Amino acid sequence: VFAANNGTDLTISTASVSGSRNGIDARNYGTGDLSVAATGSVTGTTGRGIYATNAGSKLDVNVAGVTGATDGIYARNNGAGALSVTATGHVTGTSSYGVYAFNASSGTDLKVSTTSASGGLIGIVAVNFGSGALSVRSTGRVTGGNYGILADNYSGTDLTISAASASGGFGIYARNRGTGDLSVTATGPVTGTTMSGIFTMNDSTGENLDITVGDVTGATYGIYASNRGTGAMLVTAAGTVTGRGGDGVFAANNGTDLTISAASVSGSRHGIYADNNGTGSLSVTTSGAISGGTDAAIRTISNAGSAVAITLRSTSNVRSSSGVAIVDGEGNAVVTINGGAVVDGSISLGAGNDTLNIAAGASLAGVTALDGGSGAFVDTLNLN
């Protein structure tokens, strides 16, 4: 199907379509909306499954399964409205992109919703220069050679990613340059085959950064999270997080509070590295095995006098091949080791008025040193 329009709206509604080049080629140069709907499979044998470009108002693509030799779905909105891409079947872009969605500065919201997608380069790429929010949602597996999911919000407001499973050089790459929040949720495994499993960055124009995930593996970092925004950062990892060439979890915050809650985390450098340069508190809570490599299993850094809480629940096991278990910087740290928790290696709390609480039943046989730091500070050790 090929359709070009210079009037108002352009609407395509079809069942199954196959083309020797593109399956559907829709170009709206008019003043109205562009709508592409297909209830059956769409195939572009040598080109794109669906090519849709709009110069009018909004652009809607609502399809089932799509296959293209280059891109599965290529949707570009230069219009004044929103861009929406919905695929209820699998989308394949053999050599390039499974789904490519671009919203120009004249547009508003950008929304991508898929069941599953794969691309030779990127499974799903969504780029928003519009004034609204960017949302990417996939209920199935998304794979790509370079990126599983790449979402870049150059302006606009919020950036939200909700995924089941993603794999690529970067599993999930999300950058928010807009004025709102950055949120990434992944219920299934996320894998970065050559880079980070999950890479997130919230620029100074943004607000909060929230990551909620299960299992994550990265060739460098497991999770890399940088919040330069004005709000809080929250990282929750209920599964196993692994950084094979860096930190398991790297979290740097310039906003307010930084909160990390993790089950099992390992890294070739740190297990968990948490740096809060913001105005709020820093909290790290663990409930499983936290392992470091060349550095500490857990390292926390904060401003002098800032509140730091490190809590090892009863099922925690903290150790590092470097022999350094826990290191805190200049903040006033309260470290709580609950009964049943295991710590192997040194505990160094650095500057600040620090408190170490050790509950009955905590296993400290492998602790090699307790260092409260030097200087005019008051350190407290509570043994139960």
Protein backbone atom coordinates (compact mmCIF):
# COMPACT_ATOMS: atom_id res chain seq x y z
CA VAL A 1 0.00 0.00 0.00
CA PHE A 2 1.29 3.43 -0.99
CA ALA A 3 -0.66 6.59 -0.13
CA ALA A 4 0.36 10.26 -0.25
CA ASN A 5 -1.93 13.11 0.81
CA ASN A 6 -1.84 16.88 0.36
CA GLY A 7 -5.35 17.55 1.72
CA THR A 8 -6.45 17.05 5.31
CA ASP A 9 -6.55 13.55 6.87
CA LEU A 10 -4.97 10.39 5.52
CA THR A 11 -6.43 7.12 6.80
CA ILE A 12 -5.31 3.58 5.94
CA SER A 13 -7.18 0.54 7.26
CA THR A 14 -6.29 -2.92 6.01
CA ALA A 15 -5.86 -6.57 6.92
CA SER A 16 -2.66 -8.35 5.77
CA VAL A 17 -0.28 -6.52 3.44
CA SER A 18 2.97 -7.51 1.74
CA GLY A 19 5.13 -5.42 -0.57
CA SER A 20 8.28 -6.16 -2.53
CA ARG A 21 9.74 -3.02 -0.93
CA ASN A 22 7.61 -1.53 1.89
CA GLY A 23 4.48 -3.16 3.19
CA ILE A 24 2.72 0.16 3.86
CA ASP A 25 4.10 3.53 2.76
CA ALA A 26 1.97 6.42 4.09
CA ARG A 27 2.92 10.08 3.66
CA ASN A 28 0.72 12.88 4.93
CA TYR A 29 1.67 16.33 3.68
CA GLY A 30 -1.80 17.65 4.48
CA THR A 31 -3.13 19.58 7.46
CA GLY A 32 -4.93 16.71 9.21
CA ASP A 33 -4.17 13.41 10.92
CA LEU A 34 -2.39 10.33 9.61
CA SER A 35 -3.81 7.01 10.75
CA VAL A 36 -2.46 3.57 9.79
CA ALA A 37 -4.30 0.45 10.99
CA ALA A 38 -3.68 -3.19 10.04
CA THR A 39 -5.37 -6.17 11.65
CA GLY A 40 -3.20 -8.76 9.86
CA SER A 41 0.49 -9.19 9.22
CA VAL A 42 2.42 -6.48 7.33
CA THR A 43 5.63 -7.32 5.47
CA GLY A 44 8.19 -5.20 3.65
CA THR A 45 10.27 -7.72 1.70
CA THR A 46 13.29 -5.53 0.93
CA GLY A 47 12.44 -2.33 2.82
CA ARG A 48 10.32 -1.34 5.79
CA GLY A 49 7.25 -3.10 7.05
CA ILE A 50 5.55 0.25 7.69
CA TYR A 51 6.81 3.69 6.73
CA ALA A 52 4.66 6.56 8.04
CA THR A 53 5.56 10.23 7.98
CA ASN A 54 3.28 13.07 8.98
CA ALA A 55 3.37 16.84 8.51
CA GLY A 56 -0.19 17.56 9.64
CA SER A 57 -1.59 17.02 13.13
CA LYS A 58 -1.28 13.67 14.96
CA LEU A 59 0.10 10.33 13.75
CA ASP A 60 -1.39 7.01 14.90
CA VAL A 61 -0.08 3.56 13.96
CA ASN A 62 -2.15 0.63 15.26
CA VAL A 63 -1.12 -2.75 13.88
CA ALA A 64 -0.62 -6.44 14.65
CA GLY A 65 2.60 -8.21 13.53
CA VAL A 66 5.05 -6.35 11.28
CA THR A 67 8.24 -7.47 9.52
CA GLY A 68 10.67 -5.38 7.51
CA ALA A 69 14.01 -6.18 5.91
CA THR A 70 15.34 -2.89 7.30
CA ASP A 71 12.89 -1.41 9.85
CA GLY A 72 9.75 -3.04 11.14
CA ILE A 73 7.90 0.22 11.84
CA TYR A 74 9.31 3.63 10.95
CA ALA A 75 7.08 6.46 12.20
CA ARG A 76 8.10 10.12 12.02
CA ASN A 77 5.82 12.89 13.22
CA ASN A 78 6.57 16.41 12.04
CA GLY A 79 3.00 17.43 12.79
CA ALA A 80 1.47 19.50 15.57
CA GLY A 81 -0.06 16.60 17.52
CA ALA A 82 0.94 13.39 19.27
CA LEU A 83 2.65 10.30 17.89
CA SER A 84 1.32 6.91 18.96
CA VAL A 85 2.58 3.49 17.84
CA THR A 86 0.78 0.35 19.03
CA ALA A 87 1.67 -3.18 17.89
CA THR A 88 -0.19 -6.17 19.30
CA GLY A 89 2.03 -8.70 17.50
CA HIS A 90 5.76 -9.14 17.15
CA VAL A 91 7.64 -6.42 15.23
CA THR A 92 10.88 -7.26 13.40
CA GLY A 93 13.36 -4.96 11.71
CA THR A 94 15.91 -7.41 10.39
CA SER A 95 18.87 -5.11 9.72
CA SER A 96 17.97 -1.90 11.58
CA TYR A 97 15.11 -1.02 13.95
CA GLY A 98 12.18 -3.05 15.17
CA VAL A 99 10.30 0.17 15.98
CA TYR A 100 11.61 3.65 15.18
CA ALA A 101 9.45 6.51 16.49
CA PHE A 102 10.50 10.15 16.14
CA ASN A 103 8.50 13.13 17.37
CA ALA A 104 9.64 16.55 16.12
CA SER A 105 9.58 19.77 18.16
CA SER A 106 6.21 20.69 16.68
CA GLY A 107 4.62 17.59 18.27
CA THR A 108 3.32 16.80 21.73
CA ASP A 109 3.37 13.30 23.32
CA LEU A 110 5.16 10.22 22.01
CA LYS A 111 3.85 6.80 23.00
CA VAL A 112 5.12 3.36 21.90
CA SER A 113 3.35 0.19 23.02
CA THR A 114 4.37 -3.27 21.77
CA THR A 115 4.02 -6.90 22.60
CA SER A 116 7.57 -7.74 21.53
CA ALA A 117 10.12 -6.33 19.10
CA SER A 118 13.52 -7.13 17.61
CA GLY A 119 15.95 -5.16 15.47
CA GLY A 120 19.36 -5.77 13.98
CA LEU A 121 20.51 -2.52 15.60
CA ILE A 122 17.79 -1.52 18.07
CA GLY A 123 14.63 -3.26 19.20
CA ILE A 124 12.74 -0.04 20.03
CA VAL A 125 14.05 3.49 19.58
CA ALA A 126 11.88 6.43 20.64
CA VAL A 127 13.11 10.02 20.32
CA ASN A 128 10.98 12.91 21.52
CA PHE A 129 11.59 16.56 20.73
CA GLY A 130 7.91 17.33 21.39
CA SER A 131 6.39 19.28 24.25
CA GLY A 132 4.76 16.28 25.95
CA ALA A 133 5.70 13.02 27.63
CA LEU A 134 7.59 10.06 26.20
CA SER A 135 6.31 6.59 27.07
CA VAL A 136 7.60 3.17 25.97
CA ARG A 137 5.79 0.01 27.01
CA SER A 138 6.45 -3.58 26.00
CA THR A 139 4.86 -6.67 27.51
CA GLY A 140 7.25 -9.14 25.86
CA ARG A 141 10.89 -9.47 24.93
CA VAL A 142 12.70 -6.65 23.12
CA THR A 143 16.09 -7.32 21.52
CA GLY A 144 18.60 -5.38 19.45
CA GLY A 145 22.24 -5.59 18.50
CA ASN A 146 23.22 -2.21 19.98
CA TYR A 147 20.25 -1.44 22.22
CA GLY A 148 17.23 -3.37 23.35
CA ILE A 149 15.30 -0.19 24.15
CA LEU A 150 16.62 3.30 23.52
CA ALA A 151 14.47 6.21 24.71
CA ASP A 152 15.69 9.80 24.57
CA ASN A 153 13.51 12.67 25.71
CA TYR A 154 15.19 15.79 24.36
CA SER A 155 12.49 18.13 25.65
CA GLY A 156 8.96 17.63 26.88
CA THR A 157 8.09 16.35 30.35
CA ASP A 158 8.26 12.78 31.72
CA LEU A 159 10.07 9.75 30.32
CA THR A 160 8.55 6.41 31.31
CA ILE A 161 9.66 2.90 30.30
CA SER A 162 7.76 -0.23 31.30
CA ALA A 163 9.28 -3.43 29.95
CA ALA A 164 9.16 -7.15 30.51
CA SER A 165 12.52 -8.26 29.11
CA ALA A 166 15.15 -6.41 27.09
CA SER A 167 18.53 -7.34 25.63
CA GLY A 168 21.13 -5.50 23.55
CA GLY A 169 24.53 -3.88 23.78
CA PHE A 170 22.68 -1.70 26.28
CA GLY A 171 19.64 -3.58 27.56
CA ILE A 172 17.74 -0.37 28.30
CA TYR A 173 19.10 3.13 27.64
CA ALA A 174 16.98 6.02 28.92
CA ARG A 175 17.91 9.70 29.00
CA ASN A 176 15.57 12.46 30.10
CA ARG A 177 16.42 16.02 29.12
CA GLY A 178 12.82 17.11 29.77
CA THR A 179 11.29 18.85 32.77
CA GLY A 180 9.64 15.82 34.42
CA ASP A 181 10.46 12.45 35.97
CA LEU A 182 12.42 9.53 34.56
CA SER A 183 10.97 6.11 35.43
CA VAL A 184 12.17 2.66 34.33
CA THR A 185 10.37 -0.54 35.31
CA ALA A 186 11.39 -4.00 34.09
CA THR A 187 9.74 -7.16 35.39
CA GLY A 188 11.88 -9.67 33.48
CA PRO A 189 15.58 -10.07 32.78
CA VAL A 190 17.44 -7.13 31.25
CA THR A 191 20.83 -7.80 29.67
CA GLY A 192 23.53 -5.49 28.33
CA THR A 193 25.73 -7.71 26.20
CA THR A 194 28.55 -5.17 25.70
CA MET A 195 27.60 -2.23 27.96
CA SER A 196 25.29 -1.60 30.92
CA GLY A 197 22.20 -3.67 31.53
CA ILE A 198 20.30 -0.47 32.37
CA PHE A 199 21.64 3.02 31.74
CA THR A 200 19.61 5.98 32.99
CA MET A 201 20.39 9.69 33.11
CA ASN A 202 18.13 12.49 34.28
CA ASP A 203 19.47 15.88 33.21
CA SER A 204 19.44 19.01 35.37
CA THR A 205 16.09 20.07 33.88
CA GLY A 206 14.45 16.92 35.22
CA GLU A 207 13.06 15.96 38.61
CA ASN A 208 12.86 12.42 40.09
CA LEU A 209 14.56 9.22 38.88
CA ASP A 210 12.90 5.91 39.75
CA ILE A 211 14.16 2.44 38.75
CA THR A 212 12.30 -0.77 39.68
CA VAL A 213 13.68 -4.01 38.25
CA GLY A 214 14.13 -7.74 38.66
CA ASP A 215 17.20 -9.46 37.19
CA VAL A 216 19.76 -7.23 35.42
CA THR A 217 23.13 -8.14 33.89
CA GLY A 218 25.61 -5.82 32.22
CA ALA A 219 28.98 -6.35 30.58
CA THR A 220 30.06 -3.14 32.35
CA TYR A 221 27.55 -1.90 34.95
CA GLY A 222 24.48 -3.82 35.94
CA ILE A 223 22.54 -0.61 36.66
CA TYR A 224 23.98 2.82 35.97
CA ALA A 225 21.80 5.62 37.33
CA SER A 226 22.66 9.31 37.30
CA ASN A 227 20.19 11.90 38.56
CA ARG A 228 21.23 15.48 37.87
CA GLY A 229 17.65 16.60 38.41
CA THR A 230 16.11 18.39 41.36
CA GLY A 231 14.24 15.45 42.88
CA ALA A 232 14.87 12.13 44.56
CA MET A 233 16.40 8.92 43.22
CA LEU A 234 14.99 5.51 44.06
CA VAL A 235 16.55 2.22 42.90
CA THR A 236 14.72 -1.00 43.77
CA ALA A 237 16.14 -4.32 42.58
CA ALA A 238 14.19 -7.40 43.64
CA GLY A 239 16.24 -9.86 41.59
CA THR A 240 19.91 -10.47 40.86
CA VAL A 241 21.96 -7.55 39.51
CA THR A 242 25.41 -8.17 38.02
CA GLY A 243 28.02 -5.75 36.67
CA ARG A 244 30.66 -7.90 35.07
CA GLY A 245 33.06 -5.06 34.20
CA GLY A 246 32.11 -2.36 36.73
CA ASP A 247 29.70 -1.86 39.60
CA GLY A 248 26.62 -3.96 40.13
CA VAL A 249 24.66 -0.81 41.00
CA PHE A 250 26.11 2.64 40.37
CA ALA A 251 23.90 5.46 41.64
CA ALA A 252 24.85 9.15 41.67
CA ASN A 253 22.36 11.79 42.77
CA ASN A 254 22.43 15.59 42.76
CA GLY A 255 18.81 16.11 43.78
CA THR A 256 17.39 15.31 47.22
CA ASP A 257 17.24 11.78 48.69
CA LEU A 258 18.99 8.70 47.30
CA THR A 259 17.42 5.38 48.28
CA ILE A 260 18.60 1.91 47.20
CA SER A 261 16.87 -1.35 48.09
CA ALA A 262 18.54 -4.45 46.68
CA ALA A 263 18.43 -8.21 47.00
CA SER A 264 21.48 -9.78 45.32
CA VAL A 265 24.12 -7.55 43.70
CA SER A 266 27.63 -8.25 42.44
CA GLY A 267 30.21 -6.18 40.60
CA SER A 268 33.78 -6.58 39.44
CA ARG A 269 34.52 -3.29 41.26
CA HIS A 270 31.80 -2.39 43.78
CA GLY A 271 28.70 -4.33 44.49
CA ILE A 272 26.80 -1.13 45.30
CA TYR A 273 28.24 2.34 44.78
CA ALA A 274 26.00 5.13 46.07
CA ASP A 275 27.03 8.80 45.82
CA ASN A 276 24.58 11.40 47.09
CA ASN A 277 25.60 14.96 46.38
CA GLY A 278 22.03 16.10 46.93
CA THR A 279 20.36 17.90 49.79
CA GLY A 280 18.68 14.84 51.30
CA SER A 281 19.58 11.56 52.94
CA LEU A 282 21.25 8.43 51.58
CA SER A 283 19.85 4.99 52.34
CA VAL A 284 21.04 1.51 51.28
CA THR A 285 19.10 -1.59 52.34
CA THR A 286 20.14 -5.12 51.36
CA SER A 287 18.45 -8.49 51.73
CA GLY A 288 20.74 -10.88 49.85
CA ALA A 289 24.33 -11.46 48.72
CA ILE A 290 26.24 -8.23 47.99
CA SER A 291 29.66 -8.87 46.46
CA GLY A 292 32.42 -6.54 45.38
CA GLY A 293 35.57 -7.23 43.42
CA THR A 294 38.50 -4.83 43.39
CA ASP A 295 36.78 -2.39 45.78
CA ALA A 296 34.14 -2.45 48.50
CA ALA A 297 30.98 -4.51 48.43
CA ILE A 298 29.09 -1.37 49.56
CA ARG A 299 30.49 2.15 49.26
CA THR A 300 28.49 5.23 50.25
CA ILE A 301 29.54 8.82 49.62
CA SER A 302 27.69 11.91 50.80
CA ASN A 303 28.19 15.50 51.90
CA ALA A 304 29.72 16.13 55.32
CA GLY A 305 27.08 15.85 58.02
CA SER A 306 24.45 14.30 55.76
CA ALA A 307 22.39 11.39 57.03
CA VAL A 308 23.42 7.94 55.76
CA ALA A 309 21.69 4.67 56.62
CA ILE A 310 23.09 1.25 55.66
CA THR A 311 20.86 -1.64 56.72
CA LEU A 312 21.73 -5.30 56.29
CA ARG A 313 18.66 -7.43 56.75
CA SER A 314 18.87 -10.90 58.26
CA THR A 315 19.37 -12.59 54.86
CA SER A 316 22.23 -10.30 53.79
CA ASN A 317 25.72 -11.59 53.04
CA VAL A 318 28.23 -8.82 52.34
CA ARG A 319 31.75 -9.51 51.14
CA SER A 320 34.33 -8.52 48.53
CA SER A 321 37.36 -10.20 47.05
CA SER A 322 39.31 -7.05 47.96
CA GLY A 323 38.62 -7.73 51.62
CA VAL A 324 36.63 -4.49 51.99
CA ALA A 325 33.00 -5.01 52.98
CA ILE A 326 31.57 -1.55 53.76
CA VAL A 327 33.00 1.95 53.29
CA ASP A 328 31.27 5.23 54.16
CA GLY A 329 32.56 8.73 53.47
CA GLU A 330 31.93 12.02 55.29
CA GLY A 331 28.28 11.56 56.20
CA ASN A 332 26.85 10.69 59.58
CA ALA A 333 26.27 7.00 58.99
CA VAL A 334 24.07 4.59 60.90
CA VAL A 335 25.00 1.03 59.93
CA THR A 336 22.67 -1.69 61.17
CA ILE A 337 23.61 -5.37 60.91
CA ASN A 338 20.59 -7.46 61.78
CA GLY A 339 20.68 -10.93 63.28
CA GLY A 340 21.47 -13.57 60.69
CA ALA A 341 23.36 -11.17 58.43
CA VAL A 342 26.92 -12.11 57.46
CA VAL A 343 29.78 -9.66 56.88
CA ASP A 344 33.23 -10.67 55.67
CA GLY A 345 35.97 -8.03 55.41
CA SER A 346 36.61 -4.60 56.87
CA ILE A 347 34.04 -1.97 57.85
CA SER A 348 35.30 1.60 57.51
CA LEU A 349 32.96 4.45 58.43
CA GLY A 350 35.27 7.39 57.75
CA ALA A 351 34.58 10.95 58.89
CA GLY A 352 31.31 11.95 60.56
CA ASN A 353 29.43 10.99 63.69
CA ASP A 354 28.81 7.33 62.92
CA THR A 355 26.88 4.57 64.65
CA LEU A 356 27.33 0.83 64.16
CA ASN A 357 24.48 -1.34 65.45
CA ILE A 358 25.17 -5.08 65.64
CA ALA A 359 22.22 -7.27 66.56
CA ALA A 360 22.39 -10.62 68.29
CA GLY A 361 22.90 -13.43 65.80
CA ALA A 362 24.84 -11.35 63.26
CA SER A 363 27.84 -13.25 61.90
CA LEU A 364 31.00 -11.16 62.25
CA ALA A 365 33.58 -13.93 62.32
CA GLY A 366 34.90 -12.74 58.97
CA VAL A 367 35.15 -9.06 59.91
CA THR A 368 38.79 -8.04 59.74
CA ALA A 369 38.58 -4.45 61.00
CA LEU A 370 36.17 -1.87 62.42
CA ASP A 371 37.37 1.64 61.58
CA GLY A 372 35.43 4.66 62.78
CA GLY A 373 37.71 7.12 61.04
CA SER A 374 39.80 9.92 62.52
CA GLY A 375 39.07 13.50 63.54
CA ALA A 376 36.83 15.30 66.04
CA PHE A 377 33.80 13.05 65.67
CA VAL A 378 31.72 10.90 67.99
CA ASP A 379 31.38 7.26 66.92
CA THR A 380 29.10 4.77 68.67
CA LEU A 381 29.15 0.98 68.69
CA ASN A 382 25.99 -0.74 69.93
CA LEU A 383 26.16 -4.48 70.58
CA ASN A 384 23.00 -6.43 71.33
